[in-house]
Amino acid sequence: DNTDSRGENEIILDIGTGSGILAITAKLELPGATVIATDLSEKALRVAKENAEALGAQIQLYTADLLDIPPAIHPSIILANLPYVPDGLITSHEIKEEPTVALFSGHDGLEHYKLFWKQLINFAHKPSYVITESLVSQHMRLKEYAELSGYTTHNSKDLIQIFTKK
């Protein structure tokens, strides 16, 4: 048997996929997983599709706003690298090359995450894990939002936080 079953029975949802890097990496690292990538931007989804095809990663792509996904999708893991830069904050020269809609999220940088965690409160099939990227200075606020949604912080390292269902 030559099949790689790592990630078997896992359904990984990458919301706000952009170029698809997280979804594609998840699929290549966990070939047995079903990986679904969503974004509001049709252009981003086209780029993600091209990247996935070029790298031989079989992922599903949907146009969706955060957790506004088909009810039949029951993710076990959510990857959320949502916009988190406070409006007007220029953190690097490269930031000027990215679409502003993919980076900035209100005065505190947390508007997208606030909405995401609010949606998760009423999500019928809560995933076991939620993995986010944000500024370290935002981690405490994200922890509070997560707790209100039924999650606890499992781990934090650099920009990444891993939350588990309570």
C-alpha atoms as a PDB file:
ATOM      1  CA  ASP A   1       0.000   0.000   0.000  1.00  0.00           C
ATOM      2  CA  ASN A   2       1.558   3.208  -1.206  1.00  0.00           C
ATOM      3  CA  THR A   3      -1.046   5.657   0.140  1.00  0.00           C
ATOM      4  CA  ASP A   4      -0.124   8.135   2.816  1.00  0.00           C
ATOM      5  CA  SER A   5      -2.939   8.313   5.361  1.00  0.00           C
ATOM      6  CA  ARG A   6      -1.507  11.058   7.603  1.00  0.00           C
ATOM      7  CA  GLY A   7      -4.411  13.299   8.520  1.00  0.00           C
ATOM      8  CA  GLU A   8      -7.014  10.696   7.561  1.00  0.00           C
ATOM      9  CA  ASN A   9     -10.524  11.665   8.714  1.00  0.00           C
ATOM     10  CA  GLU A  10      -9.382  15.249   9.370  1.00  0.00           C
ATOM     11  CA  ILE A  11     -11.277  18.037   7.662  1.00  0.00           C
ATOM     12  CA  ILE A  12      -9.157  21.164   7.635  1.00  0.00           C
ATOM     13  CA  LEU A  13     -10.792  24.489   6.827  1.00  0.00           C
ATOM     14  CA  ASP A  14      -8.522  27.391   5.872  1.00  0.00           C
ATOM     15  CA  ILE A  15     -10.576  30.590   6.031  1.00  0.00           C
ATOM     16  CA  GLY A  16      -9.299  33.656   4.222  1.00  0.00           C
ATOM     17  CA  THR A  17      -6.883  31.464   2.272  1.00  0.00           C
ATOM     18  CA  GLY A  18      -5.415  34.198   0.069  1.00  0.00           C
ATOM     19  CA  SER A  19      -2.731  32.532  -2.081  1.00  0.00           C
ATOM     20  CA  GLY A  20      -3.569  29.165  -0.506  1.00  0.00           C
ATOM     21  CA  ILE A  21      -0.243  28.609   1.242  1.00  0.00           C
ATOM     22  CA  LEU A  22      -1.718  27.256   4.502  1.00  0.00           C
ATOM     23  CA  ALA A  23      -4.253  24.994   2.793  1.00  0.00           C
ATOM     24  CA  ILE A  24      -1.683  23.674   0.315  1.00  0.00           C
ATOM     25  CA  THR A  25       0.899  23.049   3.043  1.00  0.00           C
ATOM     26  CA  ALA A  26      -1.711  21.268   5.177  1.00  0.00           C
ATOM     27  CA  LYS A  27      -2.643  18.991   2.261  1.00  0.00           C
ATOM     28  CA  LEU A  28       0.966  18.207   1.382  1.00  0.00           C
ATOM     29  CA  GLU A  29       1.838  17.490   5.046  1.00  0.00           C
ATOM     30  CA  LEU A  30      -1.383  15.537   5.731  1.00  0.00           C
ATOM     31  CA  PRO A  31      -2.251  13.817   2.435  1.00  0.00           C
ATOM     32  CA  GLY A  32      -5.147  11.864   3.990  1.00  0.00           C
ATOM     33  CA  ALA A  33      -6.945  15.022   5.128  1.00  0.00           C
ATOM     34  CA  THR A  34      -9.718  16.800   3.281  1.00  0.00           C
ATOM     35  CA  VAL A  35      -8.613  20.417   2.937  1.00  0.00           C
ATOM     36  CA  ILE A  36     -11.086  23.172   2.156  1.00  0.00           C
ATOM     37  CA  ALA A  37      -9.956  26.731   1.458  1.00  0.00           C
ATOM     38  CA  THR A  38     -12.266  29.736   1.430  1.00  0.00           C
ATOM     39  CA  ASP A  39     -11.895  33.404   0.615  1.00  0.00           C
ATOM     40  CA  LEU A  40     -14.152  36.326  -0.232  1.00  0.00           C
ATOM     41  CA  SER A  41     -11.922  37.262  -3.154  1.00  0.00           C
ATOM     42  CA  GLU A  42     -12.447  35.436  -6.449  1.00  0.00           C
ATOM     43  CA  LYS A  43      -8.988  36.632  -7.512  1.00  0.00           C
ATOM     44  CA  ALA A  44      -7.398  35.117  -4.397  1.00  0.00           C
ATOM     45  CA  LEU A  45      -9.195  31.817  -5.056  1.00  0.00           C
ATOM     46  CA  ARG A  46      -7.891  31.758  -8.642  1.00  0.00           C
ATOM     47  CA  VAL A  47      -4.337  32.271  -7.347  1.00  0.00           C
ATOM     48  CA  ALA A  48      -4.834  29.566  -4.694  1.00  0.00           C
ATOM     49  CA  LYS A  49      -6.150  27.171  -7.364  1.00  0.00           C
ATOM     50  CA  GLU A  50      -3.149  27.815  -9.618  1.00  0.00           C
ATOM     51  CA  ASN A  51      -0.736  27.346  -6.705  1.00  0.00           C
ATOM     52  CA  ALA A  52      -2.434  24.125  -5.567  1.00  0.00           C
ATOM     53  CA  GLU A  53      -2.347  22.693  -9.101  1.00  0.00           C
ATOM     54  CA  ALA A  54       1.310  23.668  -9.551  1.00  0.00           C
ATOM     55  CA  LEU A  55       2.205  21.874  -6.294  1.00  0.00           C
ATOM     56  CA  GLY A  56      -0.066  18.864  -6.840  1.00  0.00           C
ATOM     57  CA  ALA A  57      -2.235  19.558  -3.785  1.00  0.00           C
ATOM     58  CA  GLN A  58      -5.863  18.457  -4.075  1.00  0.00           C
ATOM     59  CA  ILE A  59      -7.817  21.085  -2.153  1.00  0.00           C
ATOM     60  CA  GLN A  60     -11.418  22.265  -2.400  1.00  0.00           C
ATOM     61  CA  LEU A  61     -12.046  25.978  -2.925  1.00  0.00           C
ATOM     62  CA  TYR A  62     -15.159  27.969  -1.984  1.00  0.00           C
ATOM     63  CA  THR A  63     -16.133  31.618  -2.028  1.00  0.00           C
ATOM     64  CA  ALA A  64     -17.150  32.405   1.548  1.00  0.00           C
ATOM     65  CA  ASP A  65     -17.046  35.119   4.193  1.00  0.00           C
ATOM     66  CA  LEU A  66     -15.384  33.645   7.300  1.00  0.00           C
ATOM     67  CA  LEU A  67     -17.603  30.781   8.573  1.00  0.00           C
ATOM     68  CA  ASP A  68     -20.390  31.351   6.062  1.00  0.00           C
ATOM     69  CA  ILE A  69     -19.772  27.894   4.599  1.00  0.00           C
ATOM     70  CA  PRO A  70     -22.069  25.073   3.431  1.00  0.00           C
ATOM     71  CA  PRO A  71     -23.600  23.369   6.527  1.00  0.00           C
ATOM     72  CA  ALA A  72     -22.403  19.956   5.318  1.00  0.00           C
ATOM     73  CA  ILE A  73     -18.786  20.985   6.024  1.00  0.00           C
ATOM     74  CA  HIS A  74     -17.781  19.892   9.538  1.00  0.00           C
ATOM     75  CA  PRO A  75     -14.132  20.902   9.999  1.00  0.00           C
ATOM     76  CA  SER A  76     -12.043  19.282  12.717  1.00  0.00           C
ATOM     77  CA  ILE A  77      -9.396  22.011  12.393  1.00  0.00           C
ATOM     78  CA  ILE A  78      -9.770  25.652  11.355  1.00  0.00           C
ATOM     79  CA  LEU A  79      -6.773  27.629  10.126  1.00  0.00           C
ATOM     80  CA  ALA A  80      -7.484  31.359  10.416  1.00  0.00           C
ATOM     81  CA  ASN A  81      -4.842  33.754   9.163  1.00  0.00           C
ATOM     82  CA  LEU A  82      -7.250  36.654   8.954  1.00  0.00           C
ATOM     83  CA  PRO A  83      -6.347  40.318   8.497  1.00  0.00           C
ATOM     84  CA  TYR A  84      -4.974  41.548  11.846  1.00  0.00           C
ATOM     85  CA  VAL A  85      -2.980  44.715  11.195  1.00  0.00           C
ATOM     86  CA  PRO A  86      -4.457  47.832  12.857  1.00  0.00           C
ATOM     87  CA  ASP A  87      -5.618  50.370  10.262  1.00  0.00           C
ATOM     88  CA  GLY A  88      -2.751  52.515   9.025  1.00  0.00           C
ATOM     89  CA  LEU A  89       0.045  50.559  10.772  1.00  0.00           C
ATOM     90  CA  ILE A  90       2.921  49.944   8.371  1.00  0.00           C
ATOM     91  CA  THR A  91       4.956  47.065   9.801  1.00  0.00           C
ATOM     92  CA  SER A  92       7.276  46.567   6.832  1.00  0.00           C
ATOM     93  CA  HIS A  93       7.954  47.741   3.289  1.00  0.00           C
ATOM     94  CA  GLU A  94       6.397  44.473   1.974  1.00  0.00           C
ATOM     95  CA  ILE A  95       3.058  45.358   3.562  1.00  0.00           C
ATOM     96  CA  LYS A  96       2.584  48.010   0.878  1.00  0.00           C
ATOM     97  CA  GLU A  97       2.635  45.260  -1.790  1.00  0.00           C
ATOM     98  CA  GLU A  98      -0.304  43.317  -0.329  1.00  0.00           C
ATOM     99  CA  PRO A  99      -3.992  44.088  -0.948  1.00  0.00           C
ATOM    100  CA  THR A 100      -5.109  46.254   1.990  1.00  0.00           C
ATOM    101  CA  VAL A 101      -8.270  44.161   2.411  1.00  0.00           C
ATOM    102  CA  ALA A 102      -6.051  41.154   3.217  1.00  0.00           C
ATOM    103  CA  LEU A 103      -4.147  42.953   5.986  1.00  0.00           C
ATOM    104  CA  PHE A 104      -6.027  45.647   7.855  1.00  0.00           C
ATOM    105  CA  SER A 105      -8.855  45.055  10.317  1.00  0.00           C
ATOM    106  CA  GLY A 106     -10.079  48.129  12.157  1.00  0.00           C
ATOM    107  CA  HIS A 107      -8.426  50.377  14.724  1.00  0.00           C
ATOM    108  CA  ASP A 108      -7.183  47.459  16.865  1.00  0.00           C
ATOM    109  CA  GLY A 109      -6.656  44.999  13.994  1.00  0.00           C
ATOM    110  CA  LEU A 110      -9.183  42.542  15.417  1.00  0.00           C
ATOM    111  CA  GLU A 111     -12.436  43.259  13.576  1.00  0.00           C
ATOM    112  CA  HIS A 112     -12.230  40.076  11.460  1.00  0.00           C
ATOM    113  CA  TYR A 113     -11.331  37.916  14.459  1.00  0.00           C
ATOM    114  CA  LYS A 114     -14.153  39.394  16.571  1.00  0.00           C
ATOM    115  CA  LEU A 115     -16.629  38.430  13.864  1.00  0.00           C
ATOM    116  CA  PHE A 116     -15.022  34.992  13.395  1.00  0.00           C
ATOM    117  CA  TRP A 117     -15.236  34.080  17.103  1.00  0.00           C
ATOM    118  CA  LYS A 118     -18.833  35.412  17.284  1.00  0.00           C
ATOM    119  CA  GLN A 119     -19.773  33.164  14.345  1.00  0.00           C
ATOM    120  CA  LEU A 120     -18.067  30.198  16.014  1.00  0.00           C
ATOM    121  CA  ILE A 121     -20.281  30.541  19.116  1.00  0.00           C
ATOM    122  CA  ASN A 122     -23.280  29.372  17.069  1.00  0.00           C
ATOM    123  CA  PHE A 123     -21.377  27.003  14.782  1.00  0.00           C
ATOM    124  CA  ALA A 124     -23.194  23.637  14.759  1.00  0.00           C
ATOM    125  CA  HIS A 125     -20.094  21.425  14.512  1.00  0.00           C
ATOM    126  CA  LYS A 126     -17.323  23.111  16.457  1.00  0.00           C
ATOM    127  CA  PRO A 127     -13.828  22.014  15.350  1.00  0.00           C
ATOM    128  CA  SER A 128     -11.446  20.468  17.873  1.00  0.00           C
ATOM    129  CA  TYR A 129      -8.728  23.006  17.037  1.00  0.00           C
ATOM    130  CA  VAL A 130      -8.555  26.598  15.845  1.00  0.00           C
ATOM    131  CA  ILE A 131      -5.143  27.906  14.794  1.00  0.00           C
ATOM    132  CA  THR A 132      -4.747  31.657  14.344  1.00  0.00           C
ATOM    133  CA  GLU A 133      -2.068  34.159  13.396  1.00  0.00           C
ATOM    134  CA  SER A 134      -1.993  37.625  14.927  1.00  0.00           C
ATOM    135  CA  LEU A 135       0.309  40.119  16.569  1.00  0.00           C
ATOM    136  CA  VAL A 136       1.616  38.970  19.968  1.00  0.00           C
ATOM    137  CA  SER A 137       0.093  42.129  21.464  1.00  0.00           C
ATOM    138  CA  GLN A 138      -3.341  40.832  20.329  1.00  0.00           C
ATOM    139  CA  HIS A 139      -3.037  37.356  21.896  1.00  0.00           C
ATOM    140  CA  MET A 140      -4.740  38.241  25.175  1.00  0.00           C
ATOM    141  CA  ARG A 141      -7.767  39.690  23.375  1.00  0.00           C
ATOM    142  CA  LEU A 142      -7.986  36.645  21.076  1.00  0.00           C
ATOM    143  CA  LYS A 143      -7.825  34.399  24.134  1.00  0.00           C
ATOM    144  CA  GLU A 144     -10.826  36.279  25.593  1.00  0.00           C
ATOM    145  CA  TYR A 145     -12.820  35.947  22.348  1.00  0.00           C
ATOM    146  CA  ALA A 146     -11.926  32.253  22.146  1.00  0.00           C
ATOM    147  CA  GLU A 147     -13.082  31.606  25.700  1.00  0.00           C
ATOM    148  CA  LEU A 148     -16.452  33.252  24.986  1.00  0.00           C
ATOM    149  CA  SER A 149     -16.770  30.865  22.015  1.00  0.00           C
ATOM    150  CA  GLY A 150     -16.022  27.745  24.073  1.00  0.00           C
ATOM    151  CA  TYR A 151     -12.284  27.440  23.428  1.00  0.00           C
ATOM    152  CA  THR A 152      -9.194  27.552  25.587  1.00  0.00           C
ATOM    153  CA  THR A 153      -5.607  28.433  24.647  1.00  0.00           C
ATOM    154  CA  HIS A 154      -3.581  25.289  24.046  1.00  0.00           C
ATOM    155  CA  ASN A 155      -0.358  26.947  22.923  1.00  0.00           C
ATOM    156  CA  SER A 156       1.087  30.309  21.827  1.00  0.00           C
ATOM    157  CA  LYS A 157       4.333  30.777  19.946  1.00  0.00           C
ATOM    158  CA  ASP A 158       5.409  33.921  18.133  1.00  0.00           C
ATOM    159  CA  LEU A 159       2.417  35.018  15.986  1.00  0.00           C
ATOM    160  CA  ILE A 160       0.583  31.674  16.268  1.00  0.00           C
ATOM    161  CA  GLN A 161      -2.059  30.632  18.779  1.00  0.00           C
ATOM    162  CA  ILE A 162      -3.638  27.188  19.006  1.00  0.00           C
ATOM    163  CA  PHE A 163      -7.025  26.912  20.676  1.00  0.00           C
ATOM    164  CA  THR A 164      -8.828  23.717  21.688  1.00  0.00           C
ATOM    165  CA  LYS A 165     -12.509  23.128  22.310  1.00  0.00           C
ATOM    166  CA  LYS A 166     -13.350  23.180  26.041  1.00  0.00           C
END
